[in-house]
């Protein structure tokens, strides 16, 4: 039960998301270009705010990047799987073997955290 508590803590979910955002900031500078930061920085700001808020506000702030992650996965999952089968991405190489599963795990943690935070706030109301 303590593992579920750890995984459903909004601060731990925000830290996992921050790791993804930091990686994407690196990708913006190394591969994509500075224009990619227009997408990454607002998501990072939402995650930073979710770290400090709990309850419905924190869940809503965490839900926005999660919805974006699910949309990105739905539209690019075939490319991600192909990248894993072909030996990694041409720009980031073997790091994709770590980040794609971590990213999917983060989506699940976000969903678990959002549900937990909404249930906590209903009990306290």
PDB file of N, CA and C in Angstrom:
ATOM      1  N   UNK A   1       0.819  -1.194   0.000  1.00  0.00           N
ATOM      2  CA  UNK A   1       0.000   0.000   0.000  1.00  0.00           C
ATOM      3  C   UNK A   1       0.864   1.260   0.000  1.00  0.00           C
ATOM      4  N   UNK A   2       2.021   1.206   0.630  1.00  0.00           N
ATOM      5  CA  UNK A   2       2.863   2.394   0.674  1.00  0.00           C
ATOM      6  C   UNK A   2       3.433   2.728  -0.705  1.00  0.00           C
ATOM      7  N   UNK A   3       3.608   1.732  -1.569  1.00  0.00           N
ATOM      8  CA  UNK A   3       4.079   2.001  -2.930  1.00  0.00           C
ATOM      9  C   UNK A   3       3.022   2.794  -3.691  1.00  0.00           C
ATOM     10  N   UNK A   4       1.756   2.420  -3.522  1.00  0.00           N
ATOM     11  CA  UNK A   4       0.686   3.177  -4.180  1.00  0.00           C
ATOM     12  C   UNK A   4       0.611   4.598  -3.650  1.00  0.00           C
ATOM     13  N   UNK A   5       0.811   4.765  -2.348  1.00  0.00           N
ATOM     14  CA  UNK A   5       0.820   6.111  -1.782  1.00  0.00           C
ATOM     15  C   UNK A   5       1.953   6.937  -2.374  1.00  0.00           C
ATOM     16  N   UNK A   6       3.115   6.309  -2.491  1.00  0.00           N
ATOM     17  CA  UNK A   6       4.272   6.997  -3.067  1.00  0.00           C
ATOM     18  C   UNK A   6       4.006   7.385  -4.518  1.00  0.00           C
ATOM     19  N   UNK A   7       3.469   6.456  -5.301  1.00  0.00           N
ATOM     20  CA  UNK A   7       3.218   6.722  -6.714  1.00  0.00           C
ATOM     21  C   UNK A   7       2.098   7.727  -6.937  1.00  0.00           C
ATOM     22  N   UNK A   8       1.139   7.773  -6.024  1.00  0.00           N
ATOM     23  CA  UNK A   8       0.005   8.673  -6.213  1.00  0.00           C
ATOM     24  C   UNK A   8       0.214  10.045  -5.580  1.00  0.00           C
ATOM     25  N   UNK A   9       1.371  10.290  -4.983  1.00  0.00           N
ATOM     26  CA  UNK A   9       1.668  11.605  -4.418  1.00  0.00           C
ATOM     27  C   UNK A   9       1.910  12.594  -5.558  1.00  0.00           C
ATOM     28  N   UNK A  10       1.235  13.711  -5.509  1.00  0.00           N
ATOM     29  CA  UNK A  10       1.312  14.670  -6.609  1.00  0.00           C
ATOM     30  C   UNK A  10       2.715  15.231  -6.773  1.00  0.00           C
ATOM     31  N   UNK A  11       3.456  15.329  -5.687  1.00  0.00           N
ATOM     32  CA  UNK A  11       4.823  15.855  -5.797  1.00  0.00           C
ATOM     33  C   UNK A  11       5.734  14.871  -6.513  1.00  0.00           C
ATOM     34  N   UNK A  12       5.578  13.587  -6.250  1.00  0.00           N
ATOM     35  CA  UNK A  12       6.386  12.587  -6.954  1.00  0.00           C
ATOM     36  C   UNK A  12       6.028  12.545  -8.434  1.00  0.00           C
ATOM     37  N   UNK A  13       4.744  12.687  -8.736  1.00  0.00           N
ATOM     38  CA  UNK A  13       4.324  12.734 -10.144  1.00  0.00           C
ATOM     39  C   UNK A  13       4.904  13.966 -10.830  1.00  0.00           C
ATOM     40  N   UNK A  14       4.909  15.089 -10.126  1.00  0.00           N
ATOM     41  CA  UNK A  14       5.471  16.311 -10.707  1.00  0.00           C
ATOM     42  C   UNK A  14       6.972  16.165 -10.951  1.00  0.00           C
ATOM     43  N   UNK A  15       7.671  15.486 -10.058  1.00  0.00           N
ATOM     44  CA  UNK A  15       9.109  15.264 -10.252  1.00  0.00           C
ATOM     45  C   UNK A  15       9.349  14.379 -11.470  1.00  0.00           C
ATOM     46  N   UNK A  16       8.555  13.329 -11.629  1.00  0.00           N
ATOM     47  CA  UNK A  16       8.690  12.459 -12.807  1.00  0.00           C
ATOM     48  C   UNK A  16       8.432  13.250 -14.089  1.00  0.00           C
ATOM     49  N   UNK A  17       7.440  14.113 -14.066  1.00  0.00           N
ATOM     50  CA  UNK A  17       7.147  14.953 -15.229  1.00  0.00           C
ATOM     51  C   UNK A  17       8.258  15.969 -15.474  1.00  0.00           C
ATOM     52  N   UNK A  18       8.850  16.478 -14.393  1.00  0.00           N
ATOM     53  CA  UNK A  18       9.946  17.441 -14.533  1.00  0.00           C
ATOM     54  C   UNK A  18      11.146  16.811 -15.228  1.00  0.00           C
ATOM     55  N   UNK A  19      11.401  15.534 -14.964  1.00  0.00           N
ATOM     56  CA  UNK A  19      12.495  14.838 -15.647  1.00  0.00           C
ATOM     57  C   UNK A  19      12.240  14.825 -17.153  1.00  0.00           C
ATOM     58  N   UNK A  20      11.007  14.570 -17.530  1.00  0.00           N
ATOM     59  CA  UNK A  20      10.654  14.565 -18.955  1.00  0.00           C
ATOM     60  C   UNK A  20      10.801  15.963 -19.552  1.00  0.00           C
ATOM     61  N   UNK A  21      10.371  16.981 -18.816  1.00  0.00           N
ATOM     62  CA  UNK A  21      10.482  18.357 -19.310  1.00  0.00           C
ATOM     63  C   UNK A  21      11.950  18.753 -19.468  1.00  0.00           C
ATOM     64  N   UNK A  22      12.786  18.397 -18.501  1.00  0.00           N
ATOM     65  CA  UNK A  22      14.216  18.719 -18.595  1.00  0.00           C
ATOM     66  C   UNK A  22      14.827  18.055 -19.824  1.00  0.00           C
ATOM     67  N   UNK A  23      14.463  16.808 -20.068  1.00  0.00           N
ATOM     68  CA  UNK A  23      14.965  16.130 -21.259  1.00  0.00           C
ATOM     69  C   UNK A  23      14.511  16.850 -22.525  1.00  0.00           C
ATOM     70  N   UNK A  24      13.262  17.300 -22.551  1.00  0.00           N
ATOM     71  CA  UNK A  24      12.763  17.981 -23.742  1.00  0.00           C
ATOM     72  C   UNK A  24      13.395  19.365 -23.919  1.00  0.00           C
ATOM     73  N   UNK A  25      13.797  19.996 -22.835  1.00  0.00           N
ATOM     74  CA  UNK A  25      14.553  21.244 -22.966  1.00  0.00           C
ATOM     75  C   UNK A  25      15.897  20.958 -23.628  1.00  0.00           C
ATOM     76  N   UNK A  26      16.533  19.870 -23.227  1.00  0.00           N
ATOM     77  CA  UNK A  26      17.779  19.454 -23.880  1.00  0.00           C
ATOM     78  C   UNK A  26      17.539  19.195 -25.371  1.00  0.00           C
ATOM     79  N   UNK A  27      16.460  18.484 -25.687  1.00  0.00           N
ATOM     80  CA  UNK A  27      16.134  18.192 -27.089  1.00  0.00           C
ATOM     81  C   UNK A  27      15.892  19.486 -27.865  1.00  0.00           C
ATOM     82  N   UNK A  28      15.264  20.468 -27.213  1.00  0.00           N
ATOM     83  CA  UNK A  28      15.015  21.745 -27.888  1.00  0.00           C
ATOM     84  C   UNK A  28      16.326  22.399 -28.304  1.00  0.00           C
ATOM     85  N   UNK A  29      17.307  22.376 -27.422  1.00  0.00           N
ATOM     86  CA  UNK A  29      18.584  23.006 -27.751  1.00  0.00           C
ATOM     87  C   UNK A  29      19.433  22.148 -28.686  1.00  0.00           C
ATOM     88  N   UNK A  30      19.406  20.834 -28.519  1.00  0.00           N
ATOM     89  CA  UNK A  30      20.300  19.957 -29.275  1.00  0.00           C
ATOM     90  C   UNK A  30      19.754  19.546 -30.638  1.00  0.00           C
ATOM     91  N   UNK A  31      18.444  19.370 -30.755  1.00  0.00           N
ATOM     92  CA  UNK A  31      17.900  18.767 -31.973  1.00  0.00           C
ATOM     93  C   UNK A  31      16.853  19.656 -32.643  1.00  0.00           C
ATOM     94  N   UNK A  32      15.798  19.963 -31.933  1.00  0.00           N
ATOM     95  CA  UNK A  32      14.621  20.589 -32.537  1.00  0.00           C
ATOM     96  C   UNK A  32      14.786  22.074 -32.838  1.00  0.00           C
ATOM     97  N   UNK A  33      15.435  22.788 -31.975  1.00  0.00           N
ATOM     98  CA  UNK A  33      15.546  24.229 -32.125  1.00  0.00           C
ATOM     99  C   UNK A  33      14.788  24.942 -31.016  1.00  0.00           C
ATOM    100  N   UNK A  34      15.080  26.207 -30.868  1.00  0.00           N
ATOM    101  CA  UNK A  34      14.524  26.998 -29.772  1.00  0.00           C
ATOM    102  C   UNK A  34      12.997  27.099 -29.851  1.00  0.00           C
ATOM    103  N   UNK A  35      12.431  27.033 -31.034  1.00  0.00           N
ATOM    104  CA  UNK A  35      10.979  27.104 -31.182  1.00  0.00           C
ATOM    105  C   UNK A  35      10.245  25.996 -30.449  1.00  0.00           C
ATOM    106  N   UNK A  36      10.925  24.889 -30.227  1.00  0.00           N
ATOM    107  CA  UNK A  36      10.328  23.762 -29.496  1.00  0.00           C
ATOM    108  C   UNK A  36      10.054  24.131 -28.041  1.00  0.00           C
ATOM    109  N   UNK A  37      10.789  25.122 -27.518  1.00  0.00           N
ATOM    110  CA  UNK A  37      10.569  25.562 -26.136  1.00  0.00           C
ATOM    111  C   UNK A  37       9.195  26.198 -25.953  1.00  0.00           C
ATOM    112  N   UNK A  38       8.594  26.676 -27.032  1.00  0.00           N
ATOM    113  CA  UNK A  38       7.252  27.260 -26.947  1.00  0.00           C
ATOM    114  C   UNK A  38       6.251  26.217 -26.462  1.00  0.00           C
ATOM    115  N   UNK A  39       6.494  24.965 -26.787  1.00  0.00           N
ATOM    116  CA  UNK A  39       5.632  23.877 -26.333  1.00  0.00           C
ATOM    117  C   UNK A  39       6.055  23.390 -24.953  1.00  0.00           C
ATOM    118  N   UNK A  40       7.352  23.257 -24.744  1.00  0.00           N
ATOM    119  CA  UNK A  40       7.877  22.614 -23.538  1.00  0.00           C
ATOM    120  C   UNK A  40       7.722  23.485 -22.291  1.00  0.00           C
ATOM    121  N   UNK A  41       8.012  24.763 -22.392  1.00  0.00           N
ATOM    122  CA  UNK A  41       8.000  25.617 -21.205  1.00  0.00           C
ATOM    123  C   UNK A  41       6.620  25.781 -20.560  1.00  0.00           C
ATOM    124  N   UNK A  42       5.523  25.950 -21.324  1.00  0.00           N
ATOM    125  CA  UNK A  42       4.213  25.997 -20.660  1.00  0.00           C
ATOM    126  C   UNK A  42       3.858  24.689 -19.943  1.00  0.00           C
ATOM    127  N   UNK A  43       4.240  23.561 -20.542  1.00  0.00           N
ATOM    128  CA  UNK A  43       3.996  22.281 -19.869  1.00  0.00           C
ATOM    129  C   UNK A  43       4.811  22.208 -18.587  1.00  0.00           C
ATOM    130  N   UNK A  44       6.050  22.668 -18.639  1.00  0.00           N
ATOM    131  CA  UNK A  44       6.884  22.714 -17.439  1.00  0.00           C
ATOM    132  C   UNK A  44       6.295  23.615 -16.366  1.00  0.00           C
ATOM    133  N   UNK A  45       5.714  24.736 -16.778  1.00  0.00           N
ATOM    134  CA  UNK A  45       5.084  25.645 -15.817  1.00  0.00           C
ATOM    135  C   UNK A  45       3.871  24.994 -15.155  1.00  0.00           C
ATOM    136  N   UNK A  46       3.057  24.290 -15.932  1.00  0.00           N
ATOM    137  CA  UNK A  46       1.898  23.591 -15.356  1.00  0.00           C
ATOM    138  C   UNK A  46       2.346  22.541 -14.342  1.00  0.00           C
ATOM    139  N   UNK A  47       3.400  21.827 -14.671  1.00  0.00           N
ATOM    140  CA  UNK A  47       3.907  20.789 -13.773  1.00  0.00           C
ATOM    141  C   UNK A  47       4.482  21.417 -12.511  1.00  0.00           C
ATOM    142  N   UNK A  48       5.193  22.532 -12.654  1.00  0.00           N
ATOM    143  CA  UNK A  48       5.734  23.218 -11.480  1.00  0.00           C
ATOM    144  C   UNK A  48       4.608  23.701 -10.570  1.00  0.00           C
ATOM    145  N   UNK A  49       3.548  24.221 -11.146  1.00  0.00           N
ATOM    146  CA  UNK A  49       2.404  24.656 -10.336  1.00  0.00           C
ATOM    147  C   UNK A  49       1.713  23.470  -9.671  1.00  0.00           C
ATOM    148  N   UNK A  50       1.616  22.347 -10.380  1.00  0.00           N
ATOM    149  CA  UNK A  50       0.993  21.148  -9.799  1.00  0.00           C
ATOM    150  C   UNK A  50       1.788  20.649  -8.604  1.00  0.00           C
ATOM    151  N   UNK A  51       3.097  20.871  -8.604  1.00  0.00           N
ATOM    152  CA  UNK A  51       3.937  20.457  -7.477  1.00  0.00           C
ATOM    153  C   UNK A  51       3.527  21.185  -6.195  1.00  0.00           C
ATOM    154  N   UNK A  52       3.123  22.451  -6.328  1.00  0.00           N
ATOM    155  CA  UNK A  52       2.812  23.258  -5.155  1.00  0.00           C
ATOM    156  C   UNK A  52       1.348  23.211  -4.738  1.00  0.00           C
ATOM    157  N   UNK A  53       0.454  22.817  -5.631  1.00  0.00           N
ATOM    158  CA  UNK A  53      -0.962  22.731  -5.298  1.00  0.00           C
ATOM    159  C   UNK A  53      -1.356  21.277  -5.100  1.00  0.00           C
ATOM    160  N   UNK A  54      -2.270  21.059  -4.204  1.00  0.00           N
ATOM    161  CA  UNK A  54      -2.822  19.718  -4.016  1.00  0.00           C
ATOM    162  C   UNK A  54      -4.328  19.804  -4.211  1.00  0.00           C
ATOM    163  N   UNK A  55      -4.973  18.670  -4.203  1.00  0.00           N
ATOM    164  CA  UNK A  55      -6.419  18.635  -4.353  1.00  0.00           C
ATOM    165  C   UNK A  55      -6.856  18.852  -5.781  1.00  0.00           C
ATOM    166  N   UNK A  56      -8.024  19.492  -5.933  1.00  0.00           N
ATOM    167  CA  UNK A  56      -8.598  19.677  -7.263  1.00  0.00           C
ATOM    168  C   UNK A  56      -7.723  20.555  -8.154  1.00  0.00           C
ATOM    169  N   UNK A  57      -7.130  21.604  -7.578  1.00  0.00           N
ATOM    170  CA  UNK A  57      -6.282  22.491  -8.379  1.00  0.00           C
ATOM    171  C   UNK A  57      -5.058  21.751  -8.904  1.00  0.00           C
ATOM    172  N   UNK A  58      -4.399  21.018  -8.040  1.00  0.00           N
ATOM    173  CA  UNK A  58      -3.227  20.255  -8.462  1.00  0.00           C
ATOM    174  C   UNK A  58      -3.579  19.193  -9.482  1.00  0.00           C
ATOM    175  N   UNK A  59      -4.715  18.530  -9.270  1.00  0.00           N
ATOM    176  CA  UNK A  59      -5.158  17.498 -10.216  1.00  0.00           C
ATOM    177  C   UNK A  59      -5.461  18.109 -11.579  1.00  0.00           C
ATOM    178  N   UNK A  60      -6.098  19.270 -11.588  1.00  0.00           N
ATOM    179  CA  UNK A  60      -6.403  19.933 -12.862  1.00  0.00           C
ATOM    180  C   UNK A  60      -5.128  20.378 -13.569  1.00  0.00           C
ATOM    181  N   UNK A  61      -4.180  20.909 -12.801  1.00  0.00           N
ATOM    182  CA  UNK A  61      -2.915  21.339 -13.400  1.00  0.00           C
ATOM    183  C   UNK A  61      -2.132  20.160 -13.962  1.00  0.00           C
ATOM    184  N   UNK A  62      -2.195  19.028 -13.296  1.00  0.00           N
ATOM    185  CA  UNK A  62      -1.498  17.832 -13.772  1.00  0.00           C
ATOM    186  C   UNK A  62      -2.257  17.165 -14.921  1.00  0.00           C
ATOM    187  N   UNK A  63      -3.568  17.367 -14.966  1.00  0.00           N
ATOM    188  CA  UNK A  63      -4.375  16.740 -16.020  1.00  0.00           C
ATOM    189  C   UNK A  63      -4.078  17.326 -17.398  1.00  0.00           C
ATOM    190  N   UNK A  64      -3.772  18.609 -17.465  1.00  0.00           N
ATOM    191  CA  UNK A  64      -3.524  19.232 -18.768  1.00  0.00           C
ATOM    192  C   UNK A  64      -2.315  18.623 -19.488  1.00  0.00           C
ATOM    193  N   UNK A  65      -1.147  18.510 -18.842  1.00  0.00           N
ATOM    194  CA  UNK A  65      -0.035  17.834 -19.537  1.00  0.00           C
ATOM    195  C   UNK A  65      -0.323  16.358 -19.810  1.00  0.00           C
ATOM    196  N   UNK A  66      -1.066  15.716 -18.921  1.00  0.00           N
ATOM    197  CA  UNK A  66      -1.383  14.301 -19.116  1.00  0.00           C
ATOM    198  C   UNK A  66      -2.233  14.106 -20.367  1.00  0.00           C
ATOM    199  N   UNK A  67      -3.202  14.974 -20.563  1.00  0.00           N
ATOM    200  CA  UNK A  67      -4.026  14.904 -21.773  1.00  0.00           C
ATOM    201  C   UNK A  67      -3.157  15.127 -23.011  1.00  0.00           C
ATOM    202  N   UNK A  68      -2.231  16.071 -22.917  1.00  0.00           N
ATOM    203  CA  UNK A  68      -1.318  16.308 -24.044  1.00  0.00           C
ATOM    204  C   UNK A  68      -0.449  15.084 -24.303  1.00  0.00           C
ATOM    205  N   UNK A  69       0.051  14.453 -23.236  1.00  0.00           N
ATOM    206  CA  UNK A  69       0.880  13.246 -23.389  1.00  0.00           C
ATOM    207  C   UNK A  69       0.085  12.129 -24.068  1.00  0.00           C
ATOM    208  N   UNK A  70      -1.151  11.939 -23.638  1.00  0.00           N
ATOM    209  CA  UNK A  70      -1.985  10.883 -24.226  1.00  0.00           C
ATOM    210  C   UNK A  70      -2.236  11.174 -25.708  1.00  0.00           C
ATOM    211  N   UNK A  71      -2.501  12.433 -26.030  1.00  0.00           N
ATOM    212  CA  UNK A  71      -2.709  12.809 -27.430  1.00  0.00           C
ATOM    213  C   UNK A  71      -1.448  12.560 -28.260  1.00  0.00           C
ATOM    214  N   UNK A  72      -0.291  12.941 -27.721  1.00  0.00           N
ATOM    215  CA  UNK A  72       0.973  12.720 -28.438  1.00  0.00           C
ATOM    216  C   UNK A  72       1.217  11.232 -28.632  1.00  0.00           C
ATOM    217  N   UNK A  73       0.967  10.442 -27.594  1.00  0.00           N
ATOM    218  CA  UNK A  73       1.174   9.002 -27.724  1.00  0.00           C
ATOM    219  C   UNK A  73       0.211   8.407 -28.745  1.00  0.00           C
ATOM    220  N   UNK A  74      -1.034   8.871 -28.744  1.00  0.00           N
ATOM    221  CA  UNK A  74      -2.021   8.339 -29.691  1.00  0.00           C
ATOM    222  C   UNK A  74      -1.635   8.647 -31.137  1.00  0.00           C
ATOM    223  N   UNK A  75      -1.034   9.790 -31.361  1.00  0.00           N
ATOM    224  CA  UNK A  75      -0.684  10.160 -32.735  1.00  0.00           C
ATOM    225  C   UNK A  75       0.696   9.671 -33.165  1.00  0.00           C
ATOM    226  N   UNK A  76       1.596   9.399 -32.218  1.00  0.00           N
ATOM    227  CA  UNK A  76       2.971   9.038 -32.570  1.00  0.00           C
ATOM    228  C   UNK A  76       3.411   7.676 -32.056  1.00  0.00           C
ATOM    229  N   UNK A  77       2.505   6.864 -31.575  1.00  0.00           N
ATOM    230  CA  UNK A  77       2.910   5.587 -30.968  1.00  0.00           C
ATOM    231  C   UNK A  77       3.598   4.666 -31.967  1.00  0.00           C
ATOM    232  N   UNK A  78       3.156   4.667 -33.209  1.00  0.00           N
ATOM    233  CA  UNK A  78       3.796   3.786 -34.195  1.00  0.00           C
ATOM    234  C   UNK A  78       5.249   4.196 -34.430  1.00  0.00           C
ATOM    235  N   UNK A  79       5.517   5.492 -34.467  1.00  0.00           N
ATOM    236  CA  UNK A  79       6.896   5.961 -34.628  1.00  0.00           C
ATOM    237  C   UNK A  79       7.745   5.612 -33.410  1.00  0.00           C
ATOM    238  N   UNK A  80       7.156   5.700 -32.225  1.00  0.00           N
ATOM    239  CA  UNK A  80       7.895   5.367 -31.005  1.00  0.00           C
ATOM    240  C   UNK A  80       8.265   3.889 -30.973  1.00  0.00           C
ATOM    241  N   UNK A  81       7.318   3.050 -31.309  1.00  0.00           N
ATOM    242  CA  UNK A  81       7.577   1.605 -31.307  1.00  0.00           C
ATOM    243  C   UNK A  81       8.592   1.255 -32.388  1.00  0.00           C
ATOM    244  N   UNK A  82       8.471   1.876 -33.536  1.00  0.00           N
ATOM    245  CA  UNK A  82       9.437   1.646 -34.619  1.00  0.00           C
ATOM    246  C   UNK A  82      10.840   2.090 -34.204  1.00  0.00           C
ATOM    247  N   UNK A  83      10.920   3.199 -33.484  1.00  0.00           N
ATOM    248  CA  UNK A  83      12.212   3.681 -32.996  1.00  0.00           C
ATOM    249  C   UNK A  83      12.853   2.676 -32.052  1.00  0.00           C
ATOM    250  N   UNK A  84      12.042   2.060 -31.207  1.00  0.00           N
ATOM    251  CA  UNK A  84      12.569   1.054 -30.283  1.00  0.00           C
ATOM    252  C   UNK A  84      13.013  -0.199 -31.033  1.00  0.00           C
ATOM    253  N   UNK A  85      12.287  -0.569 -32.067  1.00  0.00           N
ATOM    254  CA  UNK A  85      12.637  -1.769 -32.831  1.00  0.00           C
ATOM    255  C   UNK A  85      13.877  -1.561 -33.693  1.00  0.00           C
ATOM    256  N   UNK A  86      14.094  -0.340 -34.147  1.00  0.00           N
ATOM    257  CA  UNK A  86      15.224  -0.055 -35.036  1.00  0.00           C
ATOM    258  C   UNK A  86      16.510   0.292 -34.293  1.00  0.00           C
ATOM    259  N   UNK A  87      16.510   0.226 -32.995  1.00  0.00           N
ATOM    260  CA  UNK A  87      17.734   0.495 -32.249  1.00  0.00           C
ATOM    261  C   UNK A  87      17.852   1.899 -31.712  1.00  0.00           C
ATOM    262  N   UNK A  88      16.752   2.585 -31.557  1.00  0.00           N
ATOM    263  CA  UNK A  88      16.780   3.918 -30.965  1.00  0.00           C
ATOM    264  C   UNK A  88      16.608   5.018 -31.993  1.00  0.00           C
ATOM    265  N   UNK A  89      16.391   6.187 -31.505  1.00  0.00           N
ATOM    266  CA  UNK A  89      16.214   7.372 -32.334  1.00  0.00           C
ATOM    267  C   UNK A  89      17.564   7.798 -32.907  1.00  0.00           C
ATOM    268  N   UNK A  90      17.551   8.393 -34.095  1.00  0.00           N
ATOM    269  CA  UNK A  90      18.817   8.795 -34.719  1.00  0.00           C
ATOM    270  C   UNK A  90      19.486   9.953 -33.994  1.00  0.00           C
ATOM    271  N   UNK A  91      18.718  10.770 -33.269  1.00  0.00           N
ATOM    272  CA  UNK A  91      19.304  11.913 -32.571  1.00  0.00           C
ATOM    273  C   UNK A  91      19.690  11.593 -31.133  1.00  0.00           C
ATOM    274  N   UNK A  92      18.863  10.828 -30.448  1.00  0.00           N
ATOM    275  CA  UNK A  92      19.136  10.571 -29.030  1.00  0.00           C
ATOM    276  C   UNK A  92      19.600   9.153 -28.765  1.00  0.00           C
ATOM    277  N   UNK A  93      19.553   8.297 -29.755  1.00  0.00           N
ATOM    278  CA  UNK A  93      20.118   6.947 -29.641  1.00  0.00           C
ATOM    279  C   UNK A  93      19.449   6.087 -28.591  1.00  0.00           C
ATOM    280  N   UNK A  94      20.258   5.452 -27.762  1.00  0.00           N
ATOM    281  CA  UNK A  94      19.780   4.478 -26.784  1.00  0.00           C
ATOM    282  C   UNK A  94      18.933   5.100 -25.687  1.00  0.00           C
ATOM    283  N   UNK A  95      18.966   6.410 -25.535  1.00  0.00           N
ATOM    284  CA  UNK A  95      18.185   7.065 -24.477  1.00  0.00           C
ATOM    285  C   UNK A  95      16.694   6.824 -24.681  1.00  0.00           C
ATOM    286  N   UNK A  96      16.271   6.625 -25.923  1.00  0.00           N
ATOM    287  CA  UNK A  96      14.853   6.364 -26.181  1.00  0.00           C
ATOM    288  C   UNK A  96      14.395   5.055 -25.542  1.00  0.00           C
ATOM    289  N   UNK A  97      15.318   4.107 -25.342  1.00  0.00           N
ATOM    290  CA  UNK A  97      14.962   2.853 -24.672  1.00  0.00           C
ATOM    291  C   UNK A  97      14.591   3.087 -23.207  1.00  0.00           C
ATOM    292  N   UNK A  98      15.094   4.150 -22.632  1.00  0.00           N
ATOM    293  CA  UNK A  98      14.784   4.490 -21.240  1.00  0.00           C
ATOM    294  C   UNK A  98      13.590   5.435 -21.181  1.00  0.00           C
ATOM    295  N   UNK A  99      13.598   6.454 -22.027  1.00  0.00           N
ATOM    296  CA  UNK A  99      12.606   7.514 -21.903  1.00  0.00           C
ATOM    297  C   UNK A  99      11.206   7.134 -22.350  1.00  0.00           C
ATOM    298  N   UNK A 100      11.073   6.347 -23.391  1.00  0.00           N
ATOM    299  CA  UNK A 100       9.722   5.991 -23.843  1.00  0.00           C
ATOM    300  C   UNK A 100       8.985   5.180 -22.779  1.00  0.00           C
ATOM    301  N   UNK A 101       9.577   4.126 -22.199  1.00  0.00           N
ATOM    302  CA  UNK A 101       8.870   3.427 -21.112  1.00  0.00           C
ATOM    303  C   UNK A 101       8.658   4.317 -19.879  1.00  0.00           C
ATOM    304  N   UNK A 102       9.642   5.171 -19.557  1.00  0.00           N
ATOM    305  CA  UNK A 102       9.492   6.087 -18.422  1.00  0.00           C
ATOM    306  C   UNK A 102       8.354   7.060 -18.675  1.00  0.00           C
ATOM    307  N   UNK A 103       8.232   7.539 -19.893  1.00  0.00           N
ATOM    308  CA  UNK A 103       7.170   8.465 -20.257  1.00  0.00           C
ATOM    309  C   UNK A 103       5.805   7.797 -20.121  1.00  0.00           C
ATOM    310  N   UNK A 104       5.690   6.559 -20.594  1.00  0.00           N
ATOM    311  CA  UNK A 104       4.427   5.821 -20.467  1.00  0.00           C
ATOM    312  C   UNK A 104       4.094   5.560 -19.001  1.00  0.00           C
ATOM    313  N   UNK A 105       5.098   5.218 -18.206  1.00  0.00           N
ATOM    314  CA  UNK A 105       4.885   5.031 -16.768  1.00  0.00           C
ATOM    315  C   UNK A 105       4.439   6.339 -16.117  1.00  0.00           C
ATOM    316  N   UNK A 106       5.014   7.438 -16.558  1.00  0.00           N
ATOM    317  CA  UNK A 106       4.628   8.742 -16.016  1.00  0.00           C
ATOM    318  C   UNK A 106       3.173   9.062 -16.333  1.00  0.00           C
ATOM    319  N   UNK A 107       2.706   8.704 -17.514  1.00  0.00           N
ATOM    320  CA  UNK A 107       1.293   8.913 -17.856  1.00  0.00           C
ATOM    321  C   UNK A 107       0.406   8.135 -16.884  1.00  0.00           C
ATOM    322  N   UNK A 108       0.753   6.887 -16.619  1.00  0.00           N
ATOM    323  CA  UNK A 108      -0.033   6.081 -15.673  1.00  0.00           C
ATOM    324  C   UNK A 108       0.018   6.666 -14.265  1.00  0.00           C
ATOM    325  N   UNK A 109       1.198   7.110 -13.838  1.00  0.00           N
ATOM    326  CA  UNK A 109       1.326   7.730 -12.515  1.00  0.00           C
ATOM    327  C   UNK A 109       0.483   8.995 -12.449  1.00  0.00           C
ATOM    328  N   UNK A 110       0.487   9.790 -13.510  1.00  0.00           N
ATOM    329  CA  UNK A 110      -0.328  11.004 -13.536  1.00  0.00           C
ATOM    330  C   UNK A 110      -1.809  10.679 -13.377  1.00  0.00           C
ATOM    331  N   UNK A 111      -2.277   9.677 -14.099  1.00  0.00           N
ATOM    332  CA  UNK A 111      -3.692   9.293 -14.002  1.00  0.00           C
ATOM    333  C   UNK A 111      -4.018   8.831 -12.587  1.00  0.00           C
ATOM    334  N   UNK A 112      -3.164   8.002 -12.014  1.00  0.00           N
ATOM    335  CA  UNK A 112      -3.358   7.538 -10.636  1.00  0.00           C
ATOM    336  C   UNK A 112      -3.362   8.711  -9.662  1.00  0.00           C
ATOM    337  N   UNK A 113      -2.449   9.646  -9.847  1.00  0.00           N
ATOM    338  CA  UNK A 113      -2.361  10.813  -8.966  1.00  0.00           C
ATOM    339  C   UNK A 113      -3.591  11.703  -9.093  1.00  0.00           C
ATOM    340  N   UNK A 114      -4.049  11.923 -10.304  1.00  0.00           N
ATOM    341  CA  UNK A 114      -5.231  12.768 -10.515  1.00  0.00           C
ATOM    342  C   UNK A 114      -6.441  12.159  -9.818  1.00  0.00           C
ATOM    343  N   UNK A 115      -6.639  10.866  -9.984  1.00  0.00           N
ATOM    344  CA  UNK A 115      -7.765  10.191  -9.328  1.00  0.00           C
ATOM    345  C   UNK A 115      -7.639  10.289  -7.814  1.00  0.00           C
ATOM    346  N   UNK A 116      -6.440  10.049  -7.289  1.00  0.00           N
ATOM    347  CA  UNK A 116      -6.218  10.110  -5.843  1.00  0.00           C
ATOM    348  C   UNK A 116      -6.475  11.509  -5.302  1.00  0.00           C
ATOM    349  N   UNK A 117      -5.963  12.521  -5.988  1.00  0.00           N
ATOM    350  CA  UNK A 117      -6.153  13.898  -5.523  1.00  0.00           C
ATOM    351  C   UNK A 117      -7.621  14.305  -5.559  1.00  0.00           C
ATOM    352  N   UNK A 118      -8.347  13.876  -6.578  1.00  0.00           N
ATOM    353  CA  UNK A 118      -9.772  14.200  -6.642  1.00  0.00           C
ATOM    354  C   UNK A 118     -10.543  13.496  -5.531  1.00  0.00           C
ATOM    355  N   UNK A 119     -10.178  12.263  -5.228  1.00  0.00           N
ATOM    356  CA  UNK A 119     -10.846  11.547  -4.134  1.00  0.00           C
ATOM    357  C   UNK A 119     -10.528  12.166  -2.787  1.00  0.00           C
ATOM    358  N   UNK A 120      -9.280  12.599  -2.585  1.00  0.00           N
ATOM    359  CA  UNK A 120      -8.907  13.250  -1.329  1.00  0.00           C
ATOM    360  C   UNK A 120      -9.705  14.525  -1.128  1.00  0.00           C
ATOM    361  N   UNK A 121      -9.837  15.317  -2.195  1.00  0.00           N
ATOM    362  CA  UNK A 121     -10.544  16.587  -2.058  1.00  0.00           C
ATOM    363  C   UNK A 121     -12.036  16.372  -1.839  1.00  0.00           C
ATOM    364  N   UNK A 122     -12.601  15.285  -2.358  1.00  0.00           N
ATOM    365  CA  UNK A 122     -14.014  14.996  -2.107  1.00  0.00           C
ATOM    366  C   UNK A 122     -14.231  14.590  -0.656  1.00  0.00           C
ATOM    367  N   UNK A 123     -13.280  13.846  -0.089  1.00  0.00           N
ATOM    368  CA  UNK A 123     -13.402  13.434   1.308  1.00  0.00           C
ATOM    369  C   UNK A 123     -13.273  14.620   2.250  1.00  0.00           C
ATOM    370  N   UNK A 124     -12.425  15.597   1.885  1.00  0.00           N
ATOM    371  CA  UNK A 124     -12.219  16.741   2.769  1.00  0.00           C
ATOM    372  C   UNK A 124     -13.319  17.787   2.647  1.00  0.00           C
ATOM    373  N   UNK A 125     -14.114  17.728   1.566  1.00  0.00           N
ATOM    374  CA  UNK A 125     -15.209  18.702   1.390  1.00  0.00           C
ATOM    375  C   UNK A 125     -16.355  18.443   2.324  1.00  0.00           C
TER     376      UNK A 125
END
